[in-house]
């Protein structure tokens, strides 16, 4: 008899999880349903991007100074429009937009907040390399009506859900609501996400490190010592580690989540805060890795404990297997 998991769709799984909470209103489940629809729409364009006039630059830059690609614009608009009318959100914020995104006046305002990076890895678009979308969900803190900037600037520990969609050799929807991390792979023949990775658990220690080593000369001494240590041969500690780096955070994180090891994007002497955004990348990925049994740190602090002060705040990020992140902290803090 075929495994029941083979026929477990994302929608069915969400509904079954909701049924375990008799007092649930269904709003939260509806948000996840809408996000899965947005993911399918973005996947449709990503999968045919080489065949239509959607590749290449749009002639603008986003709030992080990165050149905006046409596919970025499409993903940003698609996710917003898929989420703005359900009546479950009070406000949104996107990595591509400087200010918060209000829900249109003619739509009901809900009790949840959505932050998202519509298309992670946009610099890889023209090279046909892995892309992704990342999302983070909070409960609002404002009393009602239109959402505010304060609704968006919450610590990561207050997230009620987080996840990502990876557009690679297959398209996967990976998320957590605090009850394990689960992955669903899109079957394009039926247009459904099917449960393929239930209760993902990251190994306590890996032997892969993922980092842009081209920035080595810019790092401080602790960071250099850490990478040098990983590259030294020592059979007793399973070194040297192997370097794997795609340049799309979703892709590098996804591999780290499945196989273990560490993904690093440190600050440097010129930009001590690093490049990655706390609200759109750091917080959601940190929630995911912690609920998979891993760890996430700035090098000196748990990422989920960082108090955000701005929508596009940057943060150094060391994320992955618990033992690997702990070792990185020891080097960065001068303990080794």
C-alpha atoms as a PDB file:
ATOM      1  CA  UNK A   1       0.000   0.000   0.000  1.00  0.00           C
ATOM      2  CA  UNK A   2       1.398   3.466  -0.897  1.00  0.00           C
ATOM      3  CA  UNK A   3       2.636   5.574   1.999  1.00  0.00           C
ATOM      4  CA  UNK A   4      -0.006   8.096   3.215  1.00  0.00           C
ATOM      5  CA  UNK A   5       2.733  10.727   3.204  1.00  0.00           C
ATOM      6  CA  UNK A   6       2.843  10.512  -0.597  1.00  0.00           C
ATOM      7  CA  UNK A   7      -0.632  12.020  -0.729  1.00  0.00           C
ATOM      8  CA  UNK A   8      -0.252  14.581   2.060  1.00  0.00           C
ATOM      9  CA  UNK A   9      -0.657  17.965   0.405  1.00  0.00           C
ATOM     10  CA  UNK A  10       0.420  21.190   2.065  1.00  0.00           C
ATOM     11  CA  UNK A  11      -3.198  22.336   2.288  1.00  0.00           C
ATOM     12  CA  UNK A  12      -4.315  19.099   3.922  1.00  0.00           C
ATOM     13  CA  UNK A  13      -1.400  19.179   6.337  1.00  0.00           C
ATOM     14  CA  UNK A  14      -2.178  22.761   7.380  1.00  0.00           C
ATOM     15  CA  UNK A  15      -5.845  21.875   7.889  1.00  0.00           C
ATOM     16  CA  UNK A  16      -4.965  18.832   9.985  1.00  0.00           C
ATOM     17  CA  UNK A  17      -2.656  20.910  12.166  1.00  0.00           C
ATOM     18  CA  UNK A  18      -5.426  23.495  12.616  1.00  0.00           C
ATOM     19  CA  UNK A  19      -7.848  20.753  13.689  1.00  0.00           C
ATOM     20  CA  UNK A  20      -5.543  19.982  16.627  1.00  0.00           C
ATOM     21  CA  UNK A  21      -6.358  23.434  18.037  1.00  0.00           C
ATOM     22  CA  UNK A  22     -10.148  23.604  18.600  1.00  0.00           C
ATOM     23  CA  UNK A  23     -10.079  27.345  19.293  1.00  0.00           C
ATOM     24  CA  UNK A  24      -8.291  28.228  16.060  1.00  0.00           C
ATOM     25  CA  UNK A  25     -10.027  30.860  13.925  1.00  0.00           C
ATOM     26  CA  UNK A  26      -8.592  29.611  10.635  1.00  0.00           C
ATOM     27  CA  UNK A  27      -6.927  32.953   9.896  1.00  0.00           C
ATOM     28  CA  UNK A  28      -3.418  31.638  10.357  1.00  0.00           C
ATOM     29  CA  UNK A  29      -4.087  28.640   8.122  1.00  0.00           C
ATOM     30  CA  UNK A  30      -5.506  30.952   5.463  1.00  0.00           C
ATOM     31  CA  UNK A  31      -2.278  32.975   5.463  1.00  0.00           C
ATOM     32  CA  UNK A  32      -0.239  29.837   4.796  1.00  0.00           C
ATOM     33  CA  UNK A  33      -2.644  28.813   2.017  1.00  0.00           C
ATOM     34  CA  UNK A  34      -2.265  32.244   0.372  1.00  0.00           C
ATOM     35  CA  UNK A  35       1.522  32.035   0.663  1.00  0.00           C
ATOM     36  CA  UNK A  36       1.539  28.644  -1.057  1.00  0.00           C
ATOM     37  CA  UNK A  37      -0.482  30.108  -3.928  1.00  0.00           C
ATOM     38  CA  UNK A  38       1.952  33.018  -4.231  1.00  0.00           C
ATOM     39  CA  UNK A  39       4.817  30.504  -4.290  1.00  0.00           C
ATOM     40  CA  UNK A  40       3.247  28.633  -7.195  1.00  0.00           C
ATOM     41  CA  UNK A  41       2.755  31.856  -9.150  1.00  0.00           C
ATOM     42  CA  UNK A  42       6.369  32.906  -8.615  1.00  0.00           C
ATOM     43  CA  UNK A  43       7.589  29.400  -9.477  1.00  0.00           C
ATOM     44  CA  UNK A  44       5.638  29.547 -12.748  1.00  0.00           C
ATOM     45  CA  UNK A  45       7.520  32.674 -13.829  1.00  0.00           C
ATOM     46  CA  UNK A  46      10.891  31.511 -12.478  1.00  0.00           C
ATOM     47  CA  UNK A  47      10.588  28.242 -14.396  1.00  0.00           C
ATOM     48  CA  UNK A  48      10.007  29.983 -17.715  1.00  0.00           C
ATOM     49  CA  UNK A  49      12.078  33.109 -17.116  1.00  0.00           C
ATOM     50  CA  UNK A  50      14.550  32.222 -19.834  1.00  0.00           C
ATOM     51  CA  UNK A  51      11.737  32.057 -22.388  1.00  0.00           C
ATOM     52  CA  UNK A  52      10.107  35.424 -21.732  1.00  0.00           C
ATOM     53  CA  UNK A  53      11.213  39.011 -21.346  1.00  0.00           C
ATOM     54  CA  UNK A  54      11.460  38.853 -17.572  1.00  0.00           C
ATOM     55  CA  UNK A  55      15.192  38.410 -17.070  1.00  0.00           C
ATOM     56  CA  UNK A  56      17.584  41.302 -16.712  1.00  0.00           C
ATOM     57  CA  UNK A  57      17.628  44.552 -14.763  1.00  0.00           C
ATOM     58  CA  UNK A  58      14.624  46.797 -14.230  1.00  0.00           C
ATOM     59  CA  UNK A  59      16.802  49.909 -14.033  1.00  0.00           C
ATOM     60  CA  UNK A  60      16.307  50.608 -10.310  1.00  0.00           C
ATOM     61  CA  UNK A  61      17.905  49.654  -7.004  1.00  0.00           C
ATOM     62  CA  UNK A  62      16.234  48.439  -3.813  1.00  0.00           C
ATOM     63  CA  UNK A  63      16.692  49.747  -0.276  1.00  0.00           C
ATOM     64  CA  UNK A  64      19.848  47.665   0.167  1.00  0.00           C
ATOM     65  CA  UNK A  65      21.472  49.208  -2.901  1.00  0.00           C
ATOM     66  CA  UNK A  66      21.154  46.008  -4.944  1.00  0.00           C
ATOM     67  CA  UNK A  67      20.118  46.292  -8.559  1.00  0.00           C
ATOM     68  CA  UNK A  68      16.481  45.253  -8.899  1.00  0.00           C
ATOM     69  CA  UNK A  69      15.786  42.576 -11.494  1.00  0.00           C
ATOM     70  CA  UNK A  70      12.517  42.308 -13.388  1.00  0.00           C
ATOM     71  CA  UNK A  71      11.765  38.960 -11.781  1.00  0.00           C
ATOM     72  CA  UNK A  72      12.283  40.596  -8.355  1.00  0.00           C
ATOM     73  CA  UNK A  73       9.590  43.101  -9.193  1.00  0.00           C
ATOM     74  CA  UNK A  74       7.212  40.389 -10.328  1.00  0.00           C
ATOM     75  CA  UNK A  75       7.750  38.304  -7.179  1.00  0.00           C
ATOM     76  CA  UNK A  76       7.341  41.339  -4.914  1.00  0.00           C
ATOM     77  CA  UNK A  77       4.069  42.381  -6.551  1.00  0.00           C
ATOM     78  CA  UNK A  78       2.735  38.817  -6.730  1.00  0.00           C
ATOM     79  CA  UNK A  79       3.267  38.063  -3.037  1.00  0.00           C
ATOM     80  CA  UNK A  80       1.756  41.406  -2.004  1.00  0.00           C
ATOM     81  CA  UNK A  81      -1.352  40.941  -4.165  1.00  0.00           C
ATOM     82  CA  UNK A  82      -1.794  37.338  -3.051  1.00  0.00           C
ATOM     83  CA  UNK A  83      -1.775  38.432   0.590  1.00  0.00           C
ATOM     84  CA  UNK A  84      -3.440  41.875   0.702  1.00  0.00           C
ATOM     85  CA  UNK A  85      -7.127  40.937   0.417  1.00  0.00           C
ATOM     86  CA  UNK A  86      -7.634  37.963   2.731  1.00  0.00           C
ATOM     87  CA  UNK A  87      -8.443  40.071   5.776  1.00  0.00           C
ATOM     88  CA  UNK A  88      -5.840  38.301   7.910  1.00  0.00           C
ATOM     89  CA  UNK A  89      -2.973  40.822   7.735  1.00  0.00           C
ATOM     90  CA  UNK A  90      -2.766  44.363   9.073  1.00  0.00           C
ATOM     91  CA  UNK A  91       0.515  45.305   7.391  1.00  0.00           C
ATOM     92  CA  UNK A  92       3.378  43.874   5.342  1.00  0.00           C
ATOM     93  CA  UNK A  93       7.013  44.747   4.747  1.00  0.00           C
ATOM     94  CA  UNK A  94       9.230  43.638   1.876  1.00  0.00           C
ATOM     95  CA  UNK A  95      12.976  43.647   1.374  1.00  0.00           C
ATOM     96  CA  UNK A  96      12.344  45.452  -1.921  1.00  0.00           C
ATOM     97  CA  UNK A  97      10.432  48.404  -0.412  1.00  0.00           C
ATOM     98  CA  UNK A  98      11.760  51.137   1.833  1.00  0.00           C
ATOM     99  CA  UNK A  99       8.588  51.601   3.900  1.00  0.00           C
ATOM    100  CA  UNK A 100       5.910  49.303   5.304  1.00  0.00           C
ATOM    101  CA  UNK A 101       3.219  48.113   2.913  1.00  0.00           C
ATOM    102  CA  UNK A 102      -0.288  48.963   4.056  1.00  0.00           C
ATOM    103  CA  UNK A 103      -3.311  46.817   3.302  1.00  0.00           C
ATOM    104  CA  UNK A 104      -5.621  48.685   0.845  1.00  0.00           C
ATOM    105  CA  UNK A 105      -8.331  50.696   2.604  1.00  0.00           C
ATOM    106  CA  UNK A 106     -11.193  48.678   1.105  1.00  0.00           C
ATOM    107  CA  UNK A 107      -9.926  45.411   2.640  1.00  0.00           C
ATOM    108  CA  UNK A 108     -10.381  44.112   6.173  1.00  0.00           C
ATOM    109  CA  UNK A 109      -7.379  44.414   8.496  1.00  0.00           C
ATOM    110  CA  UNK A 110      -6.397  41.289  10.425  1.00  0.00           C
ATOM    111  CA  UNK A 111      -4.221  40.441  13.403  1.00  0.00           C
ATOM    112  CA  UNK A 112      -1.089  39.201  11.654  1.00  0.00           C
ATOM    113  CA  UNK A 113       2.007  40.812  10.125  1.00  0.00           C
ATOM    114  CA  UNK A 114       3.951  39.489   7.126  1.00  0.00           C
ATOM    115  CA  UNK A 115       7.559  40.323   6.277  1.00  0.00           C
ATOM    116  CA  UNK A 116       9.134  38.817   3.177  1.00  0.00           C
ATOM    117  CA  UNK A 117      12.077  38.725   0.824  1.00  0.00           C
ATOM    118  CA  UNK A 118      10.309  38.103  -2.494  1.00  0.00           C
ATOM    119  CA  UNK A 119      13.276  36.750  -4.434  1.00  0.00           C
ATOM    120  CA  UNK A 120      16.478  35.905  -2.612  1.00  0.00           C
ATOM    121  CA  UNK A 121      19.520  35.431  -4.841  1.00  0.00           C
ATOM    122  CA  UNK A 122      18.465  37.853  -7.555  1.00  0.00           C
ATOM    123  CA  UNK A 123      22.075  38.360  -8.638  1.00  0.00           C
ATOM    124  CA  UNK A 124      21.940  34.750  -9.848  1.00  0.00           C
ATOM    125  CA  UNK A 125      18.844  35.153 -12.024  1.00  0.00           C
ATOM    126  CA  UNK A 126      20.577  35.423 -15.372  1.00  0.00           C
ATOM    127  CA  UNK A 127      22.874  32.489 -14.541  1.00  0.00           C
ATOM    128  CA  UNK A 128      19.954  30.082 -13.899  1.00  0.00           C
ATOM    129  CA  UNK A 129      21.076  29.380 -10.332  1.00  0.00           C
ATOM    130  CA  UNK A 130      18.880  28.572  -7.313  1.00  0.00           C
ATOM    131  CA  UNK A 131      16.515  31.319  -6.136  1.00  0.00           C
ATOM    132  CA  UNK A 132      14.161  31.540  -3.185  1.00  0.00           C
ATOM    133  CA  UNK A 133      11.481  33.464  -1.304  1.00  0.00           C
ATOM    134  CA  UNK A 134      11.544  33.929   2.489  1.00  0.00           C
ATOM    135  CA  UNK A 135       8.716  34.864   4.861  1.00  0.00           C
ATOM    136  CA  UNK A 136       8.200  35.720   8.507  1.00  0.00           C
ATOM    137  CA  UNK A 137       4.865  36.076  10.366  1.00  0.00           C
ATOM    138  CA  UNK A 138       4.146  37.924  13.625  1.00  0.00           C
ATOM    139  CA  UNK A 139       1.013  38.784  15.553  1.00  0.00           C
ATOM    140  CA  UNK A 140       0.283  42.509  15.533  1.00  0.00           C
ATOM    141  CA  UNK A 141       1.011  44.573  18.661  1.00  0.00           C
ATOM    142  CA  UNK A 142      -0.985  47.667  17.645  1.00  0.00           C
ATOM    143  CA  UNK A 143      -4.625  47.765  18.853  1.00  0.00           C
ATOM    144  CA  UNK A 144      -6.398  47.698  15.475  1.00  0.00           C
ATOM    145  CA  UNK A 145      -6.921  49.318  12.105  1.00  0.00           C
ATOM    146  CA  UNK A 146      -3.907  49.872   9.871  1.00  0.00           C
ATOM    147  CA  UNK A 147      -0.707  48.205  10.977  1.00  0.00           C
ATOM    148  CA  UNK A 148       2.289  50.251  12.094  1.00  0.00           C
ATOM    149  CA  UNK A 149       6.066  50.143  11.922  1.00  0.00           C
ATOM    150  CA  UNK A 150       6.028  48.837  15.510  1.00  0.00           C
ATOM    151  CA  UNK A 151       4.098  45.775  14.338  1.00  0.00           C
ATOM    152  CA  UNK A 152       7.000  44.981  12.020  1.00  0.00           C
ATOM    153  CA  UNK A 153       9.889  45.784  14.354  1.00  0.00           C
ATOM    154  CA  UNK A 154       9.479  42.874  16.755  1.00  0.00           C
ATOM    155  CA  UNK A 155      12.182  40.548  18.024  1.00  0.00           C
ATOM    156  CA  UNK A 156      12.446  37.264  16.158  1.00  0.00           C
ATOM    157  CA  UNK A 157      11.411  35.314  19.263  1.00  0.00           C
ATOM    158  CA  UNK A 158       7.896  36.658  18.702  1.00  0.00           C
ATOM    159  CA  UNK A 159       7.497  35.074  15.247  1.00  0.00           C
ATOM    160  CA  UNK A 160       4.552  32.703  15.004  1.00  0.00           C
ATOM    161  CA  UNK A 161       5.736  31.180  11.723  1.00  0.00           C
ATOM    162  CA  UNK A 162       8.591  31.391   9.266  1.00  0.00           C
ATOM    163  CA  UNK A 163       9.596  29.654   6.087  1.00  0.00           C
ATOM    164  CA  UNK A 164      11.008  29.767   2.601  1.00  0.00           C
ATOM    165  CA  UNK A 165      10.377  28.532  -0.892  1.00  0.00           C
ATOM    166  CA  UNK A 166      13.363  27.255  -2.838  1.00  0.00           C
ATOM    167  CA  UNK A 167      13.195  27.279  -6.641  1.00  0.00           C
ATOM    168  CA  UNK A 168      15.830  24.760  -7.664  1.00  0.00           C
ATOM    169  CA  UNK A 169      15.909  21.398  -9.417  1.00  0.00           C
ATOM    170  CA  UNK A 170      12.608  20.974  -7.595  1.00  0.00           C
ATOM    171  CA  UNK A 171      10.541  23.614  -5.820  1.00  0.00           C
ATOM    172  CA  UNK A 172      10.052  23.191  -2.082  1.00  0.00           C
ATOM    173  CA  UNK A 173       7.964  24.997   0.532  1.00  0.00           C
ATOM    174  CA  UNK A 174       9.622  24.685   3.961  1.00  0.00           C
ATOM    175  CA  UNK A 175       8.041  26.172   7.073  1.00  0.00           C
ATOM    176  CA  UNK A 176       7.615  26.018  10.826  1.00  0.00           C
ATOM    177  CA  UNK A 177       4.911  27.219  13.190  1.00  0.00           C
ATOM    178  CA  UNK A 178       6.949  26.160  16.200  1.00  0.00           C
ATOM    179  CA  UNK A 179       5.993  22.499  15.924  1.00  0.00           C
ATOM    180  CA  UNK A 180       8.806  21.070  13.839  1.00  0.00           C
ATOM    181  CA  UNK A 181      10.135  22.038  10.419  1.00  0.00           C
ATOM    182  CA  UNK A 182       8.394  20.466   7.443  1.00  0.00           C
ATOM    183  CA  UNK A 183       9.153  20.484   3.727  1.00  0.00           C
ATOM    184  CA  UNK A 184       6.755  20.057   0.806  1.00  0.00           C
ATOM    185  CA  UNK A 185       7.889  19.484  -2.763  1.00  0.00           C
ATOM    186  CA  UNK A 186       5.852  20.840  -5.662  1.00  0.00           C
ATOM    187  CA  UNK A 187       4.512  18.226  -8.060  1.00  0.00           C
ATOM    188  CA  UNK A 188       4.006  20.322 -11.207  1.00  0.00           C
ATOM    189  CA  UNK A 189       1.855  17.642 -12.810  1.00  0.00           C
ATOM    190  CA  UNK A 190      -0.926  18.220 -10.270  1.00  0.00           C
ATOM    191  CA  UNK A 191       0.061  21.691  -9.054  1.00  0.00           C
ATOM    192  CA  UNK A 192       0.281  20.660  -5.403  1.00  0.00           C
ATOM    193  CA  UNK A 193       2.966  20.807  -2.718  1.00  0.00           C
ATOM    194  CA  UNK A 194       3.332  17.256  -1.319  1.00  0.00           C
ATOM    195  CA  UNK A 195       4.904  16.381   2.023  1.00  0.00           C
ATOM    196  CA  UNK A 196       8.420  15.135   1.324  1.00  0.00           C
ATOM    197  CA  UNK A 197      10.451  16.127   4.410  1.00  0.00           C
ATOM    198  CA  UNK A 198       8.562  15.771   7.692  1.00  0.00           C
ATOM    199  CA  UNK A 199      10.189  16.944  10.937  1.00  0.00           C
ATOM    200  CA  UNK A 200      13.509  18.021   9.445  1.00  0.00           C
ATOM    201  CA  UNK A 201      16.303  17.751  12.029  1.00  0.00           C
ATOM    202  CA  UNK A 202      19.699  19.296  11.422  1.00  0.00           C
ATOM    203  CA  UNK A 203      22.735  17.226  12.531  1.00  0.00           C
ATOM    204  CA  UNK A 204      24.399  18.444  15.731  1.00  0.00           C
ATOM    205  CA  UNK A 205      27.649  18.840  13.791  1.00  0.00           C
ATOM    206  CA  UNK A 206      28.474  18.857  10.102  1.00  0.00           C
ATOM    207  CA  UNK A 207      31.575  19.115   7.958  1.00  0.00           C
ATOM    208  CA  UNK A 208      30.516  21.729   5.398  1.00  0.00           C
ATOM    209  CA  UNK A 209      31.034  25.466   5.716  1.00  0.00           C
ATOM    210  CA  UNK A 210      29.362  27.984   3.441  1.00  0.00           C
ATOM    211  CA  UNK A 211      30.768  31.481   3.091  1.00  0.00           C
ATOM    212  CA  UNK A 212      31.950  33.992   0.490  1.00  0.00           C
ATOM    213  CA  UNK A 213      35.649  33.407   1.076  1.00  0.00           C
ATOM    214  CA  UNK A 214      36.503  36.107  -1.431  1.00  0.00           C
ATOM    215  CA  UNK A 215      35.964  38.555   1.444  1.00  0.00           C
ATOM    216  CA  UNK A 216      38.714  36.950   3.547  1.00  0.00           C
ATOM    217  CA  UNK A 217      41.007  39.992   3.454  1.00  0.00           C
ATOM    218  CA  UNK A 218      38.226  42.176   4.927  1.00  0.00           C
ATOM    219  CA  UNK A 219      37.504  39.974   7.960  1.00  0.00           C
ATOM    220  CA  UNK A 220      38.761  40.541  11.479  1.00  0.00           C
ATOM    221  CA  UNK A 221      41.346  38.195  12.974  1.00  0.00           C
ATOM    222  CA  UNK A 222      38.838  36.000  14.822  1.00  0.00           C
ATOM    223  CA  UNK A 223      36.920  35.264  11.634  1.00  0.00           C
ATOM    224  CA  UNK A 224      40.097  34.483   9.727  1.00  0.00           C
ATOM    225  CA  UNK A 225      41.298  32.108  12.458  1.00  0.00           C
ATOM    226  CA  UNK A 226      37.968  30.293  12.414  1.00  0.00           C
ATOM    227  CA  UNK A 227      38.016  29.640   8.666  1.00  0.00           C
ATOM    228  CA  UNK A 228      41.706  28.681   8.782  1.00  0.00           C
ATOM    229  CA  UNK A 229      40.848  26.200  11.549  1.00  0.00           C
ATOM    230  CA  UNK A 230      38.084  24.586   9.467  1.00  0.00           C
ATOM    231  CA  UNK A 231      40.524  24.111   6.580  1.00  0.00           C
ATOM    232  CA  UNK A 232      43.209  22.406   8.674  1.00  0.00           C
ATOM    233  CA  UNK A 233      43.454  18.625   8.498  1.00  0.00           C
ATOM    234  CA  UNK A 234      42.599  16.778  11.714  1.00  0.00           C
ATOM    235  CA  UNK A 235      40.959  13.366  11.424  1.00  0.00           C
ATOM    236  CA  UNK A 236      39.981  13.384  15.101  1.00  0.00           C
ATOM    237  CA  UNK A 237      37.641  16.334  14.513  1.00  0.00           C
ATOM    238  CA  UNK A 238      36.631  15.467  10.920  1.00  0.00           C
ATOM    239  CA  UNK A 239      38.578  18.308   9.399  1.00  0.00           C
ATOM    240  CA  UNK A 240      39.125  19.784   6.929  1.00  0.00           C
ATOM    241  CA  UNK A 241      35.573  20.926   6.255  1.00  0.00           C
ATOM    242  CA  UNK A 242      34.362  21.163   2.675  1.00  0.00           C
ATOM    243  CA  UNK A 243      33.473  24.568   1.253  1.00  0.00           C
ATOM    244  CA  UNK A 244      30.103  24.856  -0.514  1.00  0.00           C
ATOM    245  CA  UNK A 245      28.769  28.254  -1.533  1.00  0.00           C
ATOM    246  CA  UNK A 246      25.973  29.039  -3.986  1.00  0.00           C
ATOM    247  CA  UNK A 247      25.522  32.740  -3.279  1.00  0.00           C
ATOM    248  CA  UNK A 248      21.775  32.418  -2.721  1.00  0.00           C
ATOM    249  CA  UNK A 249      21.094  32.300   1.003  1.00  0.00           C
ATOM    250  CA  UNK A 250      18.029  30.082   0.631  1.00  0.00           C
ATOM    251  CA  UNK A 251      20.029  27.517  -1.317  1.00  0.00           C
ATOM    252  CA  UNK A 252      23.010  27.552   1.030  1.00  0.00           C
ATOM    253  CA  UNK A 253      20.748  27.434   4.098  1.00  0.00           C
ATOM    254  CA  UNK A 254      18.639  24.596   2.684  1.00  0.00           C
ATOM    255  CA  UNK A 255      21.711  22.430   2.158  1.00  0.00           C
ATOM    256  CA  UNK A 256      22.974  23.287   5.646  1.00  0.00           C
ATOM    257  CA  UNK A 257      19.594  22.419   7.179  1.00  0.00           C
ATOM    258  CA  UNK A 258      19.589  18.980   5.545  1.00  0.00           C
ATOM    259  CA  UNK A 259      23.261  18.026   5.826  1.00  0.00           C
ATOM    260  CA  UNK A 260      24.553  20.050   8.758  1.00  0.00           C
ATOM    261  CA  UNK A 261      27.499  22.411   9.026  1.00  0.00           C
ATOM    262  CA  UNK A 262      27.404  26.195   9.072  1.00  0.00           C
ATOM    263  CA  UNK A 263      26.438  29.105   6.843  1.00  0.00           C
ATOM    264  CA  UNK A 264      28.264  32.345   7.625  1.00  0.00           C
ATOM    265  CA  UNK A 265      27.837  35.911   6.498  1.00  0.00           C
ATOM    266  CA  UNK A 266      30.020  37.928   8.859  1.00  0.00           C
ATOM    267  CA  UNK A 267      30.534  41.622   9.108  1.00  0.00           C
ATOM    268  CA  UNK A 268      33.908  43.030   8.150  1.00  0.00           C
ATOM    269  CA  UNK A 269      36.086  46.000   9.001  1.00  0.00           C
ATOM    270  CA  UNK A 270      34.158  48.301   6.672  1.00  0.00           C
ATOM    271  CA  UNK A 271      30.654  46.914   7.290  1.00  0.00           C
ATOM    272  CA  UNK A 272      30.599  45.351  10.764  1.00  0.00           C
ATOM    273  CA  UNK A 273      26.858  44.695  10.513  1.00  0.00           C
ATOM    274  CA  UNK A 274      27.285  42.452   7.458  1.00  0.00           C
ATOM    275  CA  UNK A 275      24.971  42.317   4.458  1.00  0.00           C
ATOM    276  CA  UNK A 276      21.973  40.184   5.416  1.00  0.00           C
ATOM    277  CA  UNK A 277      18.757  41.762   6.678  1.00  0.00           C
ATOM    278  CA  UNK A 278      17.580  40.839  10.156  1.00  0.00           C
ATOM    279  CA  UNK A 279      13.851  41.029   9.421  1.00  0.00           C
ATOM    280  CA  UNK A 280      13.780  39.315   6.032  1.00  0.00           C
ATOM    281  CA  UNK A 281      16.569  36.752   6.307  1.00  0.00           C
ATOM    282  CA  UNK A 282      18.079  36.529   9.785  1.00  0.00           C
ATOM    283  CA  UNK A 283      14.903  36.123  11.845  1.00  0.00           C
ATOM    284  CA  UNK A 284      12.956  33.660   9.674  1.00  0.00           C
ATOM    285  CA  UNK A 285      15.948  31.411   9.010  1.00  0.00           C
ATOM    286  CA  UNK A 286      16.883  31.503  12.703  1.00  0.00           C
ATOM    287  CA  UNK A 287      13.405  30.385  13.742  1.00  0.00           C
ATOM    288  CA  UNK A 288      13.592  27.529  11.257  1.00  0.00           C
ATOM    289  CA  UNK A 289      17.028  26.321  12.302  1.00  0.00           C
ATOM    290  CA  UNK A 290      16.241  26.465  16.015  1.00  0.00           C
ATOM    291  CA  UNK A 291      13.079  24.410  15.589  1.00  0.00           C
ATOM    292  CA  UNK A 292      15.134  21.898  13.594  1.00  0.00           C
ATOM    293  CA  UNK A 293      17.561  21.569  16.511  1.00  0.00           C
ATOM    294  CA  UNK A 294      20.223  23.980  15.280  1.00  0.00           C
ATOM    295  CA  UNK A 295      21.492  27.379  16.320  1.00  0.00           C
ATOM    296  CA  UNK A 296      21.838  30.925  15.003  1.00  0.00           C
ATOM    297  CA  UNK A 297      24.059  33.723  16.250  1.00  0.00           C
ATOM    298  CA  UNK A 298      25.474  37.127  15.393  1.00  0.00           C
ATOM    299  CA  UNK A 299      28.730  35.788  16.809  1.00  0.00           C
ATOM    300  CA  UNK A 300      27.935  37.409  20.134  1.00  0.00           C
ATOM    301  CA  UNK A 301      24.154  37.125  20.542  1.00  0.00           C
ATOM    302  CA  UNK A 302      21.257  34.853  19.650  1.00  0.00           C
ATOM    303  CA  UNK A 303      19.781  36.341  16.464  1.00  0.00           C
ATOM    304  CA  UNK A 304      16.184  35.921  17.655  1.00  0.00           C
ATOM    305  CA  UNK A 305      16.972  38.138  20.673  1.00  0.00           C
ATOM    306  CA  UNK A 306      18.184  41.105  18.606  1.00  0.00           C
ATOM    307  CA  UNK A 307      15.896  44.125  19.008  1.00  0.00           C
ATOM    308  CA  UNK A 308      15.321  45.594  15.530  1.00  0.00           C
ATOM    309  CA  UNK A 309      15.524  49.350  15.163  1.00  0.00           C
ATOM    310  CA  UNK A 310      14.862  49.649  11.424  1.00  0.00           C
ATOM    311  CA  UNK A 311      13.062  47.667   8.719  1.00  0.00           C
ATOM    312  CA  UNK A 312      16.223  47.021   6.746  1.00  0.00           C
ATOM    313  CA  UNK A 313      18.633  46.535   9.631  1.00  0.00           C
ATOM    314  CA  UNK A 314      21.562  44.268   8.810  1.00  0.00           C
ATOM    315  CA  UNK A 315      23.032  41.618  11.053  1.00  0.00           C
ATOM    316  CA  UNK A 316      26.059  39.269  10.971  1.00  0.00           C
ATOM    317  CA  UNK A 317      24.823  35.692  10.702  1.00  0.00           C
ATOM    318  CA  UNK A 318      26.274  32.332  11.755  1.00  0.00           C
ATOM    319  CA  UNK A 319      23.637  29.642  11.367  1.00  0.00           C
ATOM    320  CA  UNK A 320      23.542  25.873  11.233  1.00  0.00           C
ATOM    321  CA  UNK A 321      24.498  22.912  13.396  1.00  0.00           C
ATOM    322  CA  UNK A 322      24.607  23.643  17.120  1.00  0.00           C
ATOM    323  CA  UNK A 323      28.216  22.577  17.672  1.00  0.00           C
ATOM    324  CA  UNK A 324      29.469  24.401  14.595  1.00  0.00           C
ATOM    325  CA  UNK A 325      27.809  27.687  15.571  1.00  0.00           C
ATOM    326  CA  UNK A 326      29.167  27.374  19.120  1.00  0.00           C
ATOM    327  CA  UNK A 327      32.684  26.881  17.754  1.00  0.00           C
ATOM    328  CA  UNK A 328      32.350  29.948  15.515  1.00  0.00           C
ATOM    329  CA  UNK A 329      31.289  32.033  18.525  1.00  0.00           C
ATOM    330  CA  UNK A 330      34.383  30.909  20.452  1.00  0.00           C
ATOM    331  CA  UNK A 331      36.680  32.186  17.695  1.00  0.00           C
ATOM    332  CA  UNK A 332      34.762  35.419  17.159  1.00  0.00           C
ATOM    333  CA  UNK A 333      34.715  36.170  20.887  1.00  0.00           C
ATOM    334  CA  UNK A 334      38.460  35.544  21.202  1.00  0.00           C
ATOM    335  CA  UNK A 335      38.112  32.416  23.316  1.00  0.00           C
ATOM    336  CA  UNK A 336      40.199  30.374  20.866  1.00  0.00           C
END
